[in-house]
Amino acid sequence: MSFHSRSASIASERSTAASDYIPRTLEDVRENAAREVAMRATAHRRTVDGVRMGVLVVMAKADEVDFLARVADRIREEHLLKNEFVFAVATSGTPIRPNKTNTLMICGSPEHYVQRAVLLASSKLIGRVMGTTNEGHMWLASVKRITSSGPTSPSTDEAALWDVLVKSSRQPIDPLNRPPGCLSAATRLALAQSKLERLTPQMALNELRTPSGFRGVQAPTFLVDIRSLSERERSHGAGIHGSLTVERNQLEWLFDPQSEERLAIADRYDLRVILFDEDGRASSLAAVALQEIGLLNATDIVGGFRAWIEADLPGDITGMEDEDDLHSEPSVIQILG
């Protein structure tokens, strides 16, 4: 072949190659980078109870939220139809985002692995999570300063994320295999109620309106509302006028005659304390707690406040029906609930 022929052939090949060349776009670069990070995360995976998992920490990026979402998509492409999985990828280094935080992404399938990991990670990173987006199969969080790993050992944050993934993937134990000596919530409630002489709403109302010592317990009687603030708010502040509102976590301290925090009225062990909550469950456990510190006359109302309302009983228990009752000391403390 002559020199001119070879030159023409080379020129033709170059022309063909140039015509076939498709320039890479910024989108292509981002997609390839996301795929590479996803491959790195899966390359160092572990398998726990049949669930594949991996943790990877990469350098911070300006568009890291979108980038980590892409990484999650690539991980799902790799594992979704093959295995159960849960992965965590985080950014580290000097934050580039305007809010000066790094980003943590957790993705997985089925979604309950992600949701378990979210709860565990939130506890591990308490005080550092500044914002989150939860899409079920993927969770993105803005986190204050995620530390990167050294050349020979993982960082504290990376070790914590591994711990989160391992614990979130553990198969739940059989709920019937209760540890020896332990009781279910329903059993504890039934045992508590078996120790009480519980009152229906009407019985409680009758006892409260009866003068002290006339019949029943011959001791000062108090109606105590232990509903939580949120329960009272759901009832739009409705309650039973004349009852004493006490937070459940303060109950024993306020009614123990030997407590330095006791109420002025709690100066004797034979007090008749009638508790009510929203539905008559927590009040039973609380009444037994009072009995255990010596207030043996403590009890509660069957069905709680709901049952009181359903029975169409008055919201004010201090009203006197007979003129003779006006000469008797009312049996309930005059404090608005």
Protein backbone atom coordinates (compact mmCIF):
# COMPACT_ATOMS: atom_id res chain seq x y z
CA MET A 1 0.00 0.00 0.00
CA SER A 2 1.39 3.40 -0.93
CA PHE A 3 2.04 6.17 1.54
CA HIS A 4 -0.89 8.15 0.23
CA SER A 5 -3.22 5.15 0.56
CA ARG A 6 -2.20 4.51 4.19
CA SER A 7 -2.72 8.16 5.05
CA ALA A 8 -6.15 8.13 3.49
CA SER A 9 -7.08 4.96 5.43
CA ILE A 10 -5.96 6.40 8.79
CA ALA A 11 -7.80 9.62 8.09
CA SER A 12 -10.92 7.63 7.25
CA GLU A 13 -10.69 5.62 10.50
CA ARG A 14 -10.24 8.78 12.55
CA SER A 15 -13.20 10.36 10.81
CA THR A 16 -15.36 7.31 11.57
CA ALA A 17 -14.26 7.24 15.25
CA ALA A 18 -14.97 10.94 15.58
CA SER A 19 -18.43 10.51 14.12
CA ASP A 20 -19.18 7.61 16.58
CA TYR A 21 -17.97 9.51 19.67
CA ILE A 22 -20.75 10.58 22.05
CA PRO A 23 -19.55 13.12 24.61
CA ARG A 24 -20.22 12.24 28.27
CA THR A 25 -22.63 14.53 30.04
CA LEU A 26 -22.54 15.63 33.67
CA GLU A 27 -25.46 13.26 34.25
CA ASP A 28 -23.34 10.36 32.96
CA VAL A 29 -20.51 11.29 35.30
CA ARG A 30 -22.83 11.43 38.31
CA GLU A 31 -24.45 8.14 37.40
CA ASN A 32 -21.10 6.39 37.01
CA ALA A 33 -19.87 7.80 40.32
CA ALA A 34 -23.01 6.58 42.09
CA ARG A 35 -22.63 3.14 40.56
CA GLU A 36 -19.00 2.98 41.68
CA VAL A 37 -19.88 3.88 45.28
CA ALA A 38 -22.69 1.30 45.28
CA MET A 39 -20.22 -1.34 44.07
CA ARG A 40 -17.77 -0.39 46.84
CA ALA A 41 -20.51 -0.66 49.46
CA THR A 42 -21.62 -4.09 48.27
CA ALA A 43 -18.05 -5.33 47.84
CA HIS A 44 -17.47 -5.13 51.61
CA ARG A 45 -20.83 -6.57 52.56
CA ARG A 46 -21.59 -9.01 55.33
CA THR A 47 -24.49 -11.42 55.71
CA VAL A 48 -26.32 -11.67 59.04
CA ASP A 49 -29.34 -13.96 59.43
CA GLY A 50 -29.63 -14.08 55.65
CA VAL A 51 -29.62 -10.29 55.27
CA ARG A 52 -26.88 -8.64 53.22
CA MET A 53 -25.52 -5.40 54.63
CA GLY A 54 -22.70 -2.94 54.21
CA VAL A 55 -21.40 0.39 55.48
CA LEU A 56 -19.39 2.91 53.49
CA VAL A 57 -18.20 6.43 54.33
CA VAL A 58 -17.26 8.70 51.40
CA MET A 59 -16.06 12.28 51.10
CA ALA A 60 -18.55 15.13 51.40
CA LYS A 61 -20.07 16.53 48.21
CA ALA A 62 -22.05 19.64 47.38
CA ASP A 63 -24.96 17.61 45.95
CA GLU A 64 -24.61 14.67 48.32
CA VAL A 65 -28.32 14.21 49.08
CA ASP A 66 -29.12 13.62 45.41
CA PHE A 67 -25.93 11.60 45.02
CA LEU A 68 -26.73 9.24 47.91
CA ALA A 69 -30.25 8.78 46.57
CA ARG A 70 -28.68 7.64 43.30
CA VAL A 71 -26.42 5.27 45.24
CA ALA A 72 -29.49 3.82 46.95
CA ASP A 73 -31.11 3.22 43.54
CA ARG A 74 -28.02 1.39 42.28
CA ILE A 75 -27.88 -0.78 45.43
CA ARG A 76 -31.55 -1.65 44.98
CA GLU A 77 -30.91 -2.60 41.35
CA GLU A 78 -28.21 -5.00 42.50
CA HIS A 79 -30.04 -6.65 45.39
CA LEU A 80 -33.79 -6.05 45.23
CA LEU A 81 -34.77 -9.22 43.37
CA LYS A 82 -32.04 -11.39 44.86
CA ASN A 83 -31.65 -10.81 48.59
CA GLU A 84 -32.97 -9.09 51.65
CA PHE A 85 -30.57 -6.23 52.32
CA VAL A 86 -29.84 -3.08 54.29
CA PHE A 87 -26.96 -0.68 53.55
CA ALA A 88 -25.72 2.57 55.04
CA VAL A 89 -23.66 5.13 53.12
CA ALA A 90 -22.56 8.39 54.72
CA THR A 91 -20.49 11.41 53.78
CA SER A 92 -17.64 12.69 55.91
CA GLY A 93 -15.13 15.49 55.99
CA THR A 94 -15.70 19.23 55.99
CA PRO A 95 -19.40 19.75 55.15
CA ILE A 96 -20.02 21.49 51.83
CA ARG A 97 -23.79 21.78 52.21
CA PRO A 98 -25.21 25.16 53.34
CA ASN A 99 -26.46 23.71 56.64
CA LYS A 100 -22.93 22.50 57.48
CA THR A 101 -23.93 18.87 57.98
CA ASN A 102 -22.94 15.55 56.49
CA THR A 103 -25.51 13.14 55.09
CA LEU A 104 -26.42 9.59 56.07
CA MET A 105 -28.41 7.31 53.77
CA ILE A 106 -29.89 3.97 54.85
CA CYS A 107 -31.68 1.84 52.26
CA GLY A 108 -32.99 -1.68 52.27
CA SER A 109 -35.66 -4.22 51.52
CA PRO A 110 -38.04 -5.21 53.02
CA GLU A 111 -38.70 -1.76 54.45
CA HIS A 112 -38.91 -2.93 58.06
CA TYR A 113 -35.13 -3.36 58.09
CA VAL A 114 -34.77 0.31 57.20
CA GLN A 115 -37.28 1.41 59.84
CA ARG A 116 -35.55 -0.62 62.56
CA ALA A 117 -32.23 0.86 61.49
CA VAL A 118 -33.70 4.37 61.56
CA LEU A 119 -34.73 4.01 65.21
CA LEU A 120 -31.37 2.55 66.21
CA ALA A 121 -29.37 5.12 64.25
CA SER A 122 -31.38 7.99 65.74
CA SER A 123 -30.44 6.73 69.20
CA LYS A 124 -26.78 6.28 68.27
CA LEU A 125 -26.62 9.78 66.80
CA ILE A 126 -28.74 11.47 69.45
CA GLY A 127 -28.37 15.25 69.36
CA ARG A 128 -26.67 15.17 65.95
CA VAL A 129 -29.55 14.49 63.55
CA MET A 130 -30.73 17.85 62.21
CA GLY A 131 -33.29 16.75 59.63
CA THR A 132 -34.61 13.60 57.96
CA THR A 133 -36.51 12.31 54.95
CA ASN A 134 -38.12 8.89 55.27
CA GLU A 135 -39.37 7.22 52.09
CA GLY A 136 -39.84 3.79 53.61
CA HIS A 137 -37.21 1.96 51.55
CA MET A 138 -34.71 4.81 52.02
CA TRP A 139 -33.91 7.21 54.86
CA LEU A 140 -31.80 10.34 54.43
CA ALA A 141 -30.58 12.33 57.43
CA SER A 142 -28.54 15.49 57.91
CA VAL A 143 -26.03 14.67 60.63
CA LYS A 144 -23.52 16.85 62.41
CA ARG A 145 -19.96 15.85 61.55
CA ILE A 146 -19.72 12.17 60.63
CA THR A 147 -16.18 10.94 61.28
CA SER A 148 -14.24 9.03 58.64
CA SER A 149 -12.28 5.85 59.23
CA GLY A 150 -8.53 5.64 59.55
CA PRO A 151 -6.25 3.46 57.42
CA THR A 152 -6.33 0.54 59.86
CA SER A 153 -9.48 0.84 61.93
CA PRO A 154 -13.07 2.05 61.43
CA SER A 155 -14.21 5.33 62.94
CA THR A 156 -16.61 5.44 65.87
CA ASP A 157 -19.44 6.41 63.54
CA GLU A 158 -18.70 3.62 61.06
CA ALA A 159 -18.58 1.06 63.88
CA ALA A 160 -21.86 2.44 65.20
CA LEU A 161 -23.50 2.10 61.78
CA TRP A 162 -22.36 -1.51 61.50
CA ASP A 163 -23.88 -2.15 64.91
CA VAL A 164 -27.12 -0.52 63.77
CA LEU A 165 -27.38 -2.68 60.64
CA VAL A 166 -26.54 -5.93 62.43
CA LYS A 167 -29.11 -5.32 65.16
CA SER A 168 -31.78 -4.17 62.71
CA SER A 169 -31.43 -7.38 60.68
CA ARG A 170 -31.69 -9.82 63.57
CA GLN A 171 -34.74 -11.98 63.23
CA PRO A 172 -37.30 -11.27 65.98
CA ILE A 173 -37.55 -13.90 68.67
CA ASP A 174 -40.69 -15.93 69.09
CA PRO A 175 -43.01 -13.75 71.20
CA LEU A 176 -44.18 -16.87 73.01
CA ASN A 177 -40.67 -17.60 74.30
CA ARG A 178 -40.91 -15.28 77.28
CA PRO A 179 -37.97 -15.29 79.72
CA PRO A 180 -38.66 -17.37 82.85
CA GLY A 181 -40.55 -15.51 85.56
CA CYS A 182 -41.72 -12.71 83.26
CA LEU A 183 -45.35 -11.81 82.66
CA SER A 184 -47.11 -10.30 79.68
CA ALA A 185 -48.71 -6.88 80.00
CA ALA A 186 -52.16 -8.48 79.87
CA THR A 187 -51.29 -10.92 82.65
CA ARG A 188 -49.87 -8.17 84.84
CA LEU A 189 -53.05 -6.16 84.36
CA ALA A 190 -55.27 -9.12 85.20
CA LEU A 191 -53.28 -9.86 88.36
CA ALA A 192 -53.45 -6.21 89.41
CA GLN A 193 -57.20 -6.02 88.92
CA SER A 194 -57.70 -9.24 90.89
CA LYS A 195 -56.25 -7.45 93.93
CA LEU A 196 -58.68 -4.54 93.73
CA GLU A 197 -62.30 -3.99 94.65
CA ARG A 198 -62.89 -1.94 91.54
CA LEU A 199 -65.75 0.51 91.19
CA THR A 200 -68.08 1.15 88.29
CA PRO A 201 -68.48 4.85 87.45
CA GLN A 202 -71.87 4.93 89.19
CA MET A 203 -70.49 3.22 92.31
CA ALA A 204 -67.64 5.74 92.41
CA LEU A 205 -70.05 8.66 92.08
CA ASN A 206 -72.28 7.29 94.85
CA GLU A 207 -69.32 6.82 97.16
CA LEU A 208 -67.97 10.29 96.51
CA ARG A 209 -71.32 11.92 97.19
CA THR A 210 -71.84 9.98 100.41
CA PRO A 211 -70.69 11.79 103.58
CA SER A 212 -67.47 10.33 104.99
CA GLY A 213 -68.13 7.63 107.55
CA PHE A 214 -71.79 7.22 106.58
CA ARG A 215 -71.13 3.96 104.76
CA GLY A 216 -68.23 2.24 103.06
CA VAL A 217 -64.68 3.32 103.90
CA GLN A 218 -64.57 5.59 106.93
CA ALA A 219 -61.67 7.70 105.71
CA PRO A 220 -61.13 10.81 103.58
CA THR A 221 -61.87 9.94 99.95
CA PHE A 222 -60.20 11.51 96.93
CA LEU A 223 -60.79 11.08 93.21
CA VAL A 224 -57.50 11.28 91.31
CA ASP A 225 -57.13 11.83 87.55
CA ILE A 226 -53.88 10.22 86.31
CA ARG A 227 -54.51 10.72 82.58
CA SER A 228 -51.55 12.01 80.63
CA LEU A 229 -51.50 15.57 79.33
CA SER A 230 -52.02 14.33 75.77
CA GLU A 231 -55.07 12.31 76.85
CA ARG A 232 -56.56 15.32 78.59
CA GLU A 233 -55.88 17.46 75.52
CA ARG A 234 -57.62 14.92 73.28
CA SER A 235 -60.65 15.35 75.52
CA HIS A 236 -60.37 19.14 74.99
CA GLY A 237 -59.65 19.61 78.68
CA ALA A 238 -62.77 17.74 79.78
CA GLY A 239 -62.53 16.06 83.15
CA ILE A 240 -64.37 15.49 86.40
CA HIS A 241 -64.57 18.64 88.48
CA GLY A 242 -63.53 17.97 92.02
CA SER A 243 -60.88 15.43 91.04
CA LEU A 244 -57.20 15.93 91.74
CA THR A 245 -54.96 15.80 88.67
CA VAL A 246 -51.66 14.01 89.32
CA GLU A 247 -49.07 12.92 86.78
CA ARG A 248 -48.60 9.15 86.91
CA ASN A 249 -44.85 9.39 87.50
CA GLN A 250 -45.48 11.48 90.64
CA LEU A 251 -48.29 9.43 92.12
CA GLU A 252 -46.41 7.33 94.70
CA TRP A 253 -44.25 10.25 95.82
CA LEU A 254 -47.25 12.52 96.35
CA PHE A 255 -49.36 10.01 98.27
CA ASP A 256 -46.75 8.18 100.36
CA PRO A 257 -47.20 9.54 103.92
CA GLN A 258 -43.45 9.11 104.49
CA SER A 259 -42.37 10.96 101.34
CA GLU A 260 -40.88 14.43 101.68
CA GLU A 261 -42.77 15.36 98.50
CA ARG A 262 -46.16 14.19 99.73
CA LEU A 263 -49.28 16.29 99.40
CA ALA A 264 -50.61 17.88 102.56
CA ILE A 265 -53.65 15.60 102.38
CA ALA A 266 -51.50 12.45 102.23
CA ASP A 267 -50.88 12.28 105.97
CA ARG A 268 -52.40 8.86 106.70
CA TYR A 269 -52.38 5.35 105.27
CA ASP A 270 -56.14 4.75 105.38
CA LEU A 271 -56.91 7.32 102.66
CA ARG A 272 -59.48 6.20 100.12
CA VAL A 273 -57.89 7.00 96.76
CA ILE A 274 -60.03 6.32 93.67
CA LEU A 275 -57.98 6.56 90.49
CA PHE A 276 -59.14 6.95 86.92
CA ASP A 277 -57.29 7.10 83.63
CA GLU A 278 -58.55 7.06 80.04
CA ASP A 279 -59.67 3.43 79.80
CA GLY A 280 -59.18 1.73 83.16
CA ARG A 281 -55.88 -0.06 82.56
CA ALA A 282 -53.06 2.15 83.81
CA SER A 283 -55.23 3.12 86.77
CA SER A 284 -55.40 -0.51 87.94
CA LEU A 285 -51.62 -0.87 87.89
CA ALA A 286 -51.28 2.48 89.66
CA ALA A 287 -53.81 1.53 92.36
CA VAL A 288 -51.86 -1.65 93.15
CA ALA A 289 -48.68 0.46 93.34
CA LEU A 290 -50.37 2.61 95.99
CA GLN A 291 -51.47 -0.48 97.88
CA GLU A 292 -47.88 -1.73 97.86
CA ILE A 293 -46.71 1.41 99.68
CA GLY A 294 -49.43 0.98 102.29
CA LEU A 295 -52.54 2.72 100.95
CA LEU A 296 -54.67 -0.41 101.10
CA ASN A 297 -57.92 1.44 100.33
CA ALA A 298 -56.71 2.51 96.87
CA THR A 299 -58.76 1.35 93.89
CA ASP A 300 -59.82 2.53 90.44
CA ILE A 301 -62.81 3.01 88.14
CA VAL A 302 -63.69 0.27 85.65
CA GLY A 303 -63.40 1.69 82.13
CA GLY A 304 -61.84 4.95 83.28
CA PHE A 305 -62.93 8.37 82.06
CA ARG A 306 -64.46 6.94 78.88
CA ALA A 307 -66.83 4.79 80.92
CA TRP A 308 -67.74 7.80 83.09
CA ILE A 309 -68.70 9.79 79.99
CA GLU A 310 -70.54 6.86 78.40
CA ALA A 311 -72.54 6.46 81.61
CA ASP A 312 -73.62 10.09 81.17
CA LEU A 313 -72.51 10.96 84.68
CA PRO A 314 -72.08 14.61 85.70
CA GLY A 315 -68.82 16.41 85.25
CA ASP A 316 -69.13 17.88 88.76
CA ILE A 317 -69.16 15.31 91.55
CA THR A 318 -69.44 17.82 94.40
CA GLY A 319 -73.06 18.79 93.84
CA MET A 320 -75.26 17.92 96.82
CA GLU A 321 -78.64 16.40 96.12
CA ASP A 322 -80.17 16.62 99.60
CA GLU A 323 -80.30 19.58 101.92
CA ASP A 324 -78.97 17.40 104.76
CA ASP A 325 -75.78 16.84 102.77
CA LEU A 326 -74.98 20.54 103.07
CA HIS A 327 -74.18 19.98 106.74
CA SER A 328 -71.74 17.17 105.96
CA GLU A 329 -68.12 17.48 105.00
CA PRO A 330 -67.79 16.63 101.31
CA SER A 331 -65.73 13.52 100.67
CA VAL A 332 -63.68 14.84 97.78
CA ILE A 333 -60.96 17.45 97.61
CA GLN A 334 -62.11 20.71 96.06
CA ILE A 335 -59.50 21.05 93.30
CA LEU A 336 -60.37 21.38 89.64
CA GLY A 337 -59.05 18.54 87.51
